[in-house]
N, C-alpha and C. Protein backbone atom coordinates (compact mmCIF):
# COMPACT_ATOMS: atom_id res chain seq x y z
N UNK A 1 59.67 104.49 70.80
CA UNK A 1 60.19 104.55 72.18
C UNK A 1 61.67 104.65 72.14
N UNK A 2 62.22 105.59 72.99
CA UNK A 2 63.72 105.82 73.00
C UNK A 2 64.27 105.59 74.41
N UNK A 3 65.52 105.17 74.47
CA UNK A 3 66.31 105.15 75.69
C UNK A 3 67.41 106.04 75.59
N UNK A 4 67.60 106.79 76.68
CA UNK A 4 68.72 107.66 76.76
C UNK A 4 69.77 107.21 77.77
N UNK A 5 70.98 107.07 77.37
CA UNK A 5 72.09 106.50 78.07
C UNK A 5 73.21 107.53 78.27
N UNK A 6 73.44 107.87 79.49
CA UNK A 6 74.56 108.86 79.74
C UNK A 6 75.86 108.09 79.85
N UNK A 7 77.01 108.72 79.36
CA UNK A 7 78.19 107.98 79.29
C UNK A 7 79.24 108.78 80.25
N UNK A 8 79.40 108.21 81.43
CA UNK A 8 80.19 109.03 82.43
C UNK A 8 81.56 109.36 82.07
N UNK A 9 82.33 108.30 81.51
CA UNK A 9 83.77 108.57 81.38
C UNK A 9 84.01 109.50 80.17
N UNK A 10 83.43 109.21 79.03
CA UNK A 10 83.66 110.04 77.77
C UNK A 10 82.75 111.25 77.79
N UNK A 11 81.58 111.16 78.52
CA UNK A 11 80.71 112.21 78.46
C UNK A 11 79.56 112.16 77.48
N UNK A 12 78.55 112.95 77.59
CA UNK A 12 77.42 112.98 76.66
C UNK A 12 76.37 111.98 76.81
N UNK A 13 75.49 111.84 75.95
CA UNK A 13 74.36 110.93 75.93
C UNK A 13 74.13 110.26 74.65
N UNK A 14 73.84 108.99 74.69
CA UNK A 14 73.44 108.21 73.48
C UNK A 14 72.01 108.01 73.46
N UNK A 15 71.37 108.13 72.30
CA UNK A 15 69.93 107.91 72.16
C UNK A 15 69.74 106.57 71.26
N UNK A 16 69.02 105.73 71.94
CA UNK A 16 68.69 104.48 71.20
C UNK A 16 67.22 104.30 70.93
N UNK A 17 66.81 103.84 69.74
CA UNK A 17 65.36 103.46 69.42
C UNK A 17 65.31 102.02 69.88
N UNK A 18 64.42 101.96 70.88
CA UNK A 18 64.10 100.59 71.47
C UNK A 18 62.69 100.08 71.20
N UNK A 19 62.09 100.42 70.07
CA UNK A 19 60.79 99.94 69.71
C UNK A 19 60.80 98.34 69.59
N UNK A 20 62.07 97.91 69.21
CA UNK A 20 62.25 96.43 69.26
C UNK A 20 63.38 96.22 70.25
N UNK A 21 63.08 95.88 71.48
CA UNK A 21 64.07 95.82 72.55
C UNK A 21 65.15 94.73 72.36
N UNK A 22 64.90 93.81 71.43
CA UNK A 22 65.88 92.84 71.07
C UNK A 22 66.92 93.37 70.07
N UNK A 23 66.60 94.41 69.42
CA UNK A 23 67.47 95.03 68.44
C UNK A 23 67.54 96.54 68.67
N UNK A 24 68.05 97.09 69.70
CA UNK A 24 68.12 98.47 69.83
C UNK A 24 69.02 99.10 68.72
N UNK A 25 68.59 100.29 68.31
CA UNK A 25 69.39 100.96 67.28
C UNK A 25 69.85 102.34 67.76
N UNK A 26 71.13 102.71 67.58
CA UNK A 26 71.71 103.92 67.96
C UNK A 26 71.13 104.91 67.07
N UNK A 27 70.51 106.07 67.60
CA UNK A 27 69.96 107.01 66.71
C UNK A 27 70.88 108.28 66.77
N UNK A 28 71.43 108.61 67.92
CA UNK A 28 72.32 109.82 67.99
C UNK A 28 73.19 109.79 69.18
N UNK A 29 74.35 110.33 69.08
CA UNK A 29 75.22 110.60 70.21
C UNK A 29 75.57 112.05 70.38
N UNK A 30 75.36 112.69 71.48
CA UNK A 30 75.61 114.10 71.66
C UNK A 30 76.56 114.34 72.83
N UNK A 31 77.59 115.06 72.60
CA UNK A 31 78.68 115.33 73.57
C UNK A 31 79.26 116.75 73.34
N UNK A 32 79.07 117.70 74.26
CA UNK A 32 79.68 119.00 74.09
C UNK A 32 81.01 119.15 74.76
N UNK A 33 81.56 118.01 75.27
CA UNK A 33 82.86 118.10 75.94
C UNK A 33 83.90 118.24 74.93
N UNK A 34 85.01 119.15 75.21
CA UNK A 34 86.14 119.31 74.36
C UNK A 34 87.21 118.51 74.96
N UNK A 35 87.75 117.55 74.20
CA UNK A 35 88.85 116.70 74.75
C UNK A 35 90.20 117.45 74.68
N UNK A 36 90.24 118.66 74.00
CA UNK A 36 91.52 119.37 73.89
C UNK A 36 91.65 120.47 74.93
N UNK A 37 90.46 121.22 75.09
CA UNK A 37 90.58 122.38 76.02
C UNK A 37 90.04 122.06 77.38
N UNK A 38 89.37 120.83 77.60
CA UNK A 38 88.84 120.54 78.93
C UNK A 38 87.57 121.29 79.34
N UNK A 39 86.93 121.84 78.34
CA UNK A 39 85.63 122.55 78.66
C UNK A 39 84.40 121.77 78.29
N UNK A 40 83.31 122.30 78.63
CA UNK A 40 82.04 121.57 78.35
C UNK A 40 81.65 120.74 79.57
N UNK A 41 80.62 119.93 79.37
CA UNK A 41 80.01 119.19 80.48
C UNK A 41 80.87 117.84 80.58
N UNK A 42 81.24 117.56 81.79
CA UNK A 42 82.09 116.36 82.00
C UNK A 42 81.53 115.50 83.11
N UNK A 43 81.59 114.14 82.83
CA UNK A 43 81.16 113.24 83.93
C UNK A 43 79.77 113.14 84.22
N UNK A 44 78.75 112.91 83.26
CA UNK A 44 77.46 112.83 83.56
C UNK A 44 77.06 111.62 84.50
N UNK A 45 76.55 111.97 85.76
CA UNK A 45 76.27 111.03 86.74
C UNK A 45 74.82 110.73 86.77
N UNK A 46 73.94 111.78 86.73
CA UNK A 46 72.50 111.67 86.86
C UNK A 46 71.80 112.01 85.55
N UNK A 47 70.64 111.33 85.27
CA UNK A 47 69.88 111.63 84.06
C UNK A 47 68.52 111.68 84.30
N UNK A 48 67.79 112.69 83.83
CA UNK A 48 66.36 112.92 84.17
C UNK A 48 65.54 113.30 82.84
N UNK A 49 64.60 112.61 82.58
CA UNK A 49 63.63 113.08 81.47
C UNK A 49 62.59 113.85 82.07
N UNK A 50 62.29 115.01 81.45
CA UNK A 50 61.23 115.92 81.82
C UNK A 50 60.19 115.88 80.63
N UNK A 51 58.99 115.48 80.94
CA UNK A 51 57.92 115.46 79.90
C UNK A 51 57.60 116.86 79.53
N UNK A 52 56.96 117.05 78.37
CA UNK A 52 56.49 118.29 77.85
C UNK A 52 55.55 118.99 78.96
N UNK A 53 54.75 118.16 79.51
CA UNK A 53 53.75 118.68 80.51
C UNK A 53 54.48 119.37 81.70
N UNK A 54 55.62 118.86 82.01
CA UNK A 54 56.29 119.35 83.28
C UNK A 54 57.49 120.34 82.91
N UNK A 55 57.66 120.59 81.58
CA UNK A 55 58.83 121.42 81.13
C UNK A 55 58.48 122.85 81.09
N UNK A 56 59.40 123.75 81.48
CA UNK A 56 59.09 125.16 81.41
C UNK A 56 59.11 125.63 79.89
N UNK A 57 59.56 124.85 79.01
CA UNK A 57 59.49 125.29 77.60
C UNK A 57 58.38 124.56 76.83
N UNK A 58 57.61 123.73 77.56
CA UNK A 58 56.48 122.95 76.94
C UNK A 58 56.94 121.95 75.94
N UNK A 59 58.26 121.59 75.90
CA UNK A 59 58.77 120.51 74.97
C UNK A 59 59.60 119.61 75.92
N UNK A 60 59.68 118.39 75.57
CA UNK A 60 60.41 117.39 76.47
C UNK A 60 61.86 117.83 76.54
N UNK A 61 62.43 117.52 77.78
CA UNK A 61 63.77 117.89 78.10
C UNK A 61 64.47 116.74 78.62
N UNK A 62 65.80 116.67 78.44
CA UNK A 62 66.62 115.65 79.02
C UNK A 62 67.64 116.39 79.79
N UNK A 63 67.87 116.11 81.18
CA UNK A 63 68.82 116.76 82.03
C UNK A 63 69.95 115.79 82.40
N UNK A 64 71.15 116.14 82.23
CA UNK A 64 72.27 115.36 82.74
C UNK A 64 72.98 116.15 83.78
N UNK A 65 73.17 115.60 85.01
CA UNK A 65 73.81 116.21 86.12
C UNK A 65 75.41 115.70 85.94
N UNK A 66 76.25 116.67 85.77
CA UNK A 66 77.62 116.34 85.45
C UNK A 66 78.53 116.57 86.72
N UNK A 67 79.15 115.45 87.12
CA UNK A 67 79.85 115.51 88.39
C UNK A 67 81.22 116.26 88.26
N UNK A 68 81.93 115.95 87.27
CA UNK A 68 83.19 116.56 87.14
C UNK A 68 83.16 118.09 86.89
N UNK A 69 82.40 118.45 85.95
CA UNK A 69 82.31 119.89 85.74
C UNK A 69 81.34 120.67 86.53
N UNK A 70 80.55 120.06 87.38
CA UNK A 70 79.60 120.63 88.26
C UNK A 70 78.56 121.42 87.35
N UNK A 71 78.15 120.85 86.38
CA UNK A 71 77.15 121.61 85.44
C UNK A 71 75.95 120.63 85.25
N UNK A 72 74.88 121.26 84.72
CA UNK A 72 73.76 120.46 84.29
C UNK A 72 73.58 120.69 82.75
N UNK A 73 73.56 119.56 81.99
CA UNK A 73 73.33 119.76 80.53
C UNK A 73 71.79 119.62 80.36
N UNK A 74 71.29 120.52 79.50
CA UNK A 74 69.83 120.50 79.24
C UNK A 74 69.71 120.34 77.66
N UNK A 75 69.10 119.26 77.35
CA UNK A 75 68.81 118.96 75.93
C UNK A 75 67.40 118.91 75.64
N UNK A 76 67.04 119.49 74.50
CA UNK A 76 65.73 119.65 73.98
C UNK A 76 65.49 118.34 73.19
N UNK A 77 64.44 117.60 73.54
CA UNK A 77 64.13 116.37 72.77
C UNK A 77 63.14 116.70 71.66
N UNK A 78 63.60 116.60 70.43
CA UNK A 78 62.70 116.92 69.24
C UNK A 78 61.70 115.84 69.14
N UNK A 79 60.60 116.22 68.45
CA UNK A 79 59.54 115.21 68.26
C UNK A 79 59.89 114.11 67.20
N UNK A 80 60.94 114.41 66.40
CA UNK A 80 61.43 113.40 65.45
C UNK A 80 62.39 112.44 66.10
N UNK A 81 62.71 112.59 67.42
CA UNK A 81 63.46 111.66 68.10
C UNK A 81 64.93 112.03 68.17
N UNK A 82 65.41 113.06 67.68
CA UNK A 82 66.84 113.38 67.90
C UNK A 82 66.98 114.37 69.01
N UNK A 83 68.21 114.53 69.48
CA UNK A 83 68.44 115.38 70.67
C UNK A 83 69.42 116.46 70.25
N UNK A 84 69.17 117.74 70.58
CA UNK A 84 70.01 118.77 70.26
C UNK A 84 70.29 119.65 71.52
N UNK A 85 71.44 120.14 71.66
CA UNK A 85 71.84 120.96 72.88
C UNK A 85 71.06 122.23 72.69
N UNK A 86 70.54 122.72 73.80
CA UNK A 86 69.80 124.05 73.84
C UNK A 86 70.78 125.24 74.05
N UNK A 87 72.00 124.96 74.47
CA UNK A 87 72.82 126.06 74.71
C UNK A 87 74.39 125.55 74.56
N UNK A 88 75.21 126.47 74.17
CA UNK A 88 76.61 126.12 74.07
C UNK A 88 77.26 126.01 75.38
N UNK A 89 78.47 125.50 75.48
CA UNK A 89 79.24 125.41 76.67
C UNK A 89 79.40 126.72 77.29
N UNK A 90 79.28 126.89 78.61
CA UNK A 90 79.46 128.22 79.19
C UNK A 90 80.83 128.91 78.84
N UNK A 91 80.65 130.25 78.58
CA UNK A 91 81.81 130.97 78.13
C UNK A 91 82.07 132.08 79.24
N UNK A 92 81.21 132.30 80.18
CA UNK A 92 81.34 133.26 81.18
C UNK A 92 82.25 132.67 82.34
N UNK A 93 82.64 133.46 83.20
CA UNK A 93 83.46 133.03 84.36
C UNK A 93 82.73 131.92 85.09
N UNK A 94 83.43 130.94 85.63
CA UNK A 94 82.81 129.87 86.39
C UNK A 94 82.06 130.46 87.68
N UNK A 95 81.14 129.68 88.20
CA UNK A 95 80.37 130.22 89.23
C UNK A 95 80.48 129.04 90.37
N UNK A 96 80.86 129.48 91.59
CA UNK A 96 80.89 128.55 92.74
C UNK A 96 79.86 129.01 93.78
N UNK A 97 79.29 128.04 94.48
CA UNK A 97 78.32 128.35 95.55
C UNK A 97 78.87 127.76 96.72
N UNK A 98 78.85 128.44 97.82
CA UNK A 98 79.28 127.96 99.08
C UNK A 98 78.62 128.53 100.27
N UNK A 99 78.38 127.74 101.30
CA UNK A 99 78.72 126.34 101.48
C UNK A 99 77.82 125.57 100.60
N UNK A 100 78.32 124.44 100.08
CA UNK A 100 77.51 123.54 99.23
C UNK A 100 78.10 122.13 99.33
N UNK A 101 77.45 121.29 99.90
CA UNK A 101 76.04 121.23 100.32
C UNK A 101 75.80 122.18 101.33
N UNK A 102 74.51 122.61 101.57
CA UNK A 102 74.10 123.59 102.55
C UNK A 102 72.92 123.09 103.26
N UNK A 103 72.77 123.59 104.52
CA UNK A 103 71.51 123.50 105.23
C UNK A 103 70.89 124.78 105.06
N UNK A 104 69.66 124.96 105.55
CA UNK A 104 68.88 126.17 105.32
C UNK A 104 69.66 127.39 105.84
N UNK A 105 69.91 128.38 105.01
CA UNK A 105 70.59 129.64 105.38
C UNK A 105 71.00 130.27 104.08
N UNK A 106 72.12 131.07 104.27
CA UNK A 106 72.52 131.88 103.14
C UNK A 106 73.64 131.14 102.40
N UNK A 107 73.58 131.17 101.08
CA UNK A 107 74.55 130.55 100.06
C UNK A 107 75.32 131.70 99.36
N UNK A 108 76.44 131.80 99.42
CA UNK A 108 77.20 132.87 98.81
C UNK A 108 77.67 132.40 97.37
N UNK A 109 77.67 133.40 96.46
CA UNK A 109 78.12 133.14 95.05
C UNK A 109 79.55 133.76 94.88
N UNK A 110 80.28 133.03 94.04
CA UNK A 110 81.67 133.49 93.76
C UNK A 110 81.68 134.90 92.96
N UNK A 111 80.54 135.25 92.45
CA UNK A 111 80.43 136.51 91.69
C UNK A 111 78.98 136.79 91.58
N UNK A 112 78.69 138.10 91.51
CA UNK A 112 77.27 138.47 91.44
C UNK A 112 76.66 138.02 90.05
N UNK A 113 75.36 137.47 90.12
CA UNK A 113 74.76 136.96 88.96
C UNK A 113 73.27 137.26 88.93
N UNK A 114 72.78 137.23 87.74
CA UNK A 114 71.29 137.32 87.47
C UNK A 114 70.88 135.99 86.87
N UNK A 115 69.78 135.38 87.34
CA UNK A 115 69.45 134.10 86.75
C UNK A 115 68.25 133.53 87.56
N UNK A 116 68.10 132.16 87.42
CA UNK A 116 66.93 131.47 88.06
C UNK A 116 67.55 130.13 88.67
N UNK A 117 67.01 129.90 89.94
CA UNK A 117 67.31 128.63 90.63
C UNK A 117 66.09 127.66 90.25
N UNK A 118 66.43 126.49 89.75
CA UNK A 118 65.49 125.57 89.40
C UNK A 118 65.64 124.22 90.23
N UNK A 119 64.45 123.59 90.46
CA UNK A 119 64.49 122.31 91.10
C UNK A 119 64.91 121.27 90.00
N UNK A 120 64.98 120.00 90.28
CA UNK A 120 65.38 119.00 89.37
C UNK A 120 64.41 118.69 88.33
N UNK A 121 63.09 119.15 88.54
CA UNK A 121 62.11 118.92 87.46
C UNK A 121 62.15 120.05 86.49
N UNK A 122 63.00 121.08 86.81
CA UNK A 122 63.04 122.17 85.85
C UNK A 122 62.23 123.46 86.21
N UNK A 123 61.48 123.32 87.31
CA UNK A 123 60.62 124.38 87.76
C UNK A 123 61.47 125.50 88.41
N UNK A 124 61.15 126.76 88.15
CA UNK A 124 61.96 127.82 88.82
C UNK A 124 61.43 128.07 90.21
N UNK A 125 62.40 128.17 91.16
CA UNK A 125 61.98 128.37 92.48
C UNK A 125 62.59 129.69 93.14
N UNK A 126 63.56 130.26 92.50
CA UNK A 126 63.98 131.55 92.95
C UNK A 126 64.52 132.38 91.63
N UNK A 127 64.47 133.65 91.75
CA UNK A 127 64.95 134.48 90.78
C UNK A 127 66.01 135.43 91.33
N UNK A 128 67.09 135.59 90.67
CA UNK A 128 68.22 136.35 91.23
C UNK A 128 68.58 137.54 90.26
N UNK A 129 68.78 138.70 90.81
CA UNK A 129 69.14 139.90 89.97
C UNK A 129 70.41 140.45 90.63
N UNK A 130 71.47 140.30 89.95
CA UNK A 130 72.83 140.81 90.38
C UNK A 130 73.07 140.44 91.87
N UNK A 131 72.73 139.22 92.22
CA UNK A 131 72.87 138.76 93.58
C UNK A 131 74.19 138.21 93.89
N UNK A 132 74.81 138.43 95.07
CA UNK A 132 76.02 137.93 95.52
C UNK A 132 75.76 136.70 96.49
N UNK A 133 74.37 136.50 96.89
CA UNK A 133 74.09 135.38 97.66
C UNK A 133 72.60 134.94 97.35
N UNK A 134 72.10 133.80 97.95
CA UNK A 134 70.81 133.47 97.82
C UNK A 134 70.49 132.73 99.19
N UNK A 135 69.11 132.84 99.49
CA UNK A 135 68.68 132.25 100.81
C UNK A 135 68.11 130.84 100.35
N UNK A 136 68.65 129.84 101.16
CA UNK A 136 68.06 128.52 100.91
C UNK A 136 66.91 128.10 101.77
N UNK A 137 66.57 129.00 102.74
CA UNK A 137 65.53 128.77 103.68
C UNK A 137 64.25 128.57 102.80
N UNK A 138 63.45 127.63 103.23
CA UNK A 138 62.25 127.33 102.48
C UNK A 138 62.41 126.29 101.40
N UNK A 139 63.57 125.97 100.96
CA UNK A 139 63.87 125.01 99.87
C UNK A 139 63.80 123.58 100.48
N UNK A 140 63.07 122.65 99.91
CA UNK A 140 63.12 121.29 100.25
C UNK A 140 64.48 120.65 100.10
N UNK A 141 64.90 119.74 100.83
CA UNK A 141 66.11 118.95 100.60
C UNK A 141 66.13 118.46 99.15
N UNK A 142 67.30 118.60 98.60
CA UNK A 142 67.46 118.06 97.18
C UNK A 142 68.45 118.76 96.49
N UNK A 143 68.56 118.57 95.11
CA UNK A 143 69.54 119.16 94.20
C UNK A 143 68.72 120.22 93.45
N UNK A 144 69.43 121.36 93.28
CA UNK A 144 68.89 122.49 92.47
C UNK A 144 69.92 122.93 91.53
N UNK A 145 69.50 123.64 90.43
CA UNK A 145 70.44 124.13 89.45
C UNK A 145 70.19 125.65 89.32
N UNK A 146 71.32 126.41 89.48
CA UNK A 146 71.26 127.92 89.31
C UNK A 146 71.76 128.08 87.92
N UNK A 147 70.89 128.58 86.95
CA UNK A 147 71.19 128.87 85.59
C UNK A 147 71.29 130.49 85.47
N UNK A 148 72.48 130.91 85.13
CA UNK A 148 72.62 132.40 85.09
C UNK A 148 72.26 132.90 83.64
N UNK A 149 71.95 134.19 83.62
CA UNK A 149 71.63 134.79 82.36
C UNK A 149 72.79 134.81 81.32
N UNK A 150 74.01 134.61 81.88
CA UNK A 150 75.19 134.62 80.98
C UNK A 150 75.55 133.18 80.58
N UNK A 151 74.75 132.18 80.90
CA UNK A 151 74.92 130.74 80.33
C UNK A 151 75.66 129.91 81.11
N UNK A 152 75.92 130.26 82.38
CA UNK A 152 76.65 129.29 83.40
C UNK A 152 75.50 128.59 84.22
N UNK A 153 75.81 127.39 84.60
CA UNK A 153 74.98 126.64 85.50
C UNK A 153 75.93 126.18 86.71
N UNK A 154 75.25 126.16 87.77
CA UNK A 154 75.89 125.51 89.04
C UNK A 154 74.91 124.84 89.83
N UNK A 155 75.29 123.67 90.46
CA UNK A 155 74.33 122.87 91.25
C UNK A 155 74.41 123.32 92.65
N UNK A 156 73.33 123.14 93.41
CA UNK A 156 73.26 123.46 94.81
C UNK A 156 72.62 122.28 95.39
N UNK A 157 73.23 121.71 96.45
CA UNK A 157 72.66 120.60 97.26
C UNK A 157 72.13 121.14 98.61
N UNK A 158 70.85 121.05 98.87
CA UNK A 158 70.26 121.39 100.12
C UNK A 158 69.97 120.13 100.94
N UNK A 159 70.55 120.13 102.18
CA UNK A 159 70.40 118.94 103.03
C UNK A 159 69.19 119.12 103.93
């Protein structure tokens, strides 16, 4: 049994073996934040484990919602208990969504993108192809993640 602990200030996630809860053991620490260039995922606030049964990859995933960088880290949980990043830090131009938070209506993107909008369980809810905006009508209130084909992620809050 493992416990995943996000570290808001320094970033990343620590993985602990808690088979003996009185003596937890650190198994791994993963952080893609660069302390020199200011890139990567910063300020993990929320953490969500997605079981293999609910995962779009059919493997367990760990999602970190990062407040400072406005990104979502997606980690693949290996069956041997270690965690590895599934993607490098974004290299493409940043992506901004506005208005954000939004109520039901049109959400504009700072640049045209192709990609997929996912709910917080990782399920795809919209597909975009060179879109400059997306419609939030029909989306339940909550947090969504837009993952672009060029490796950038942006969160969208629907009220």
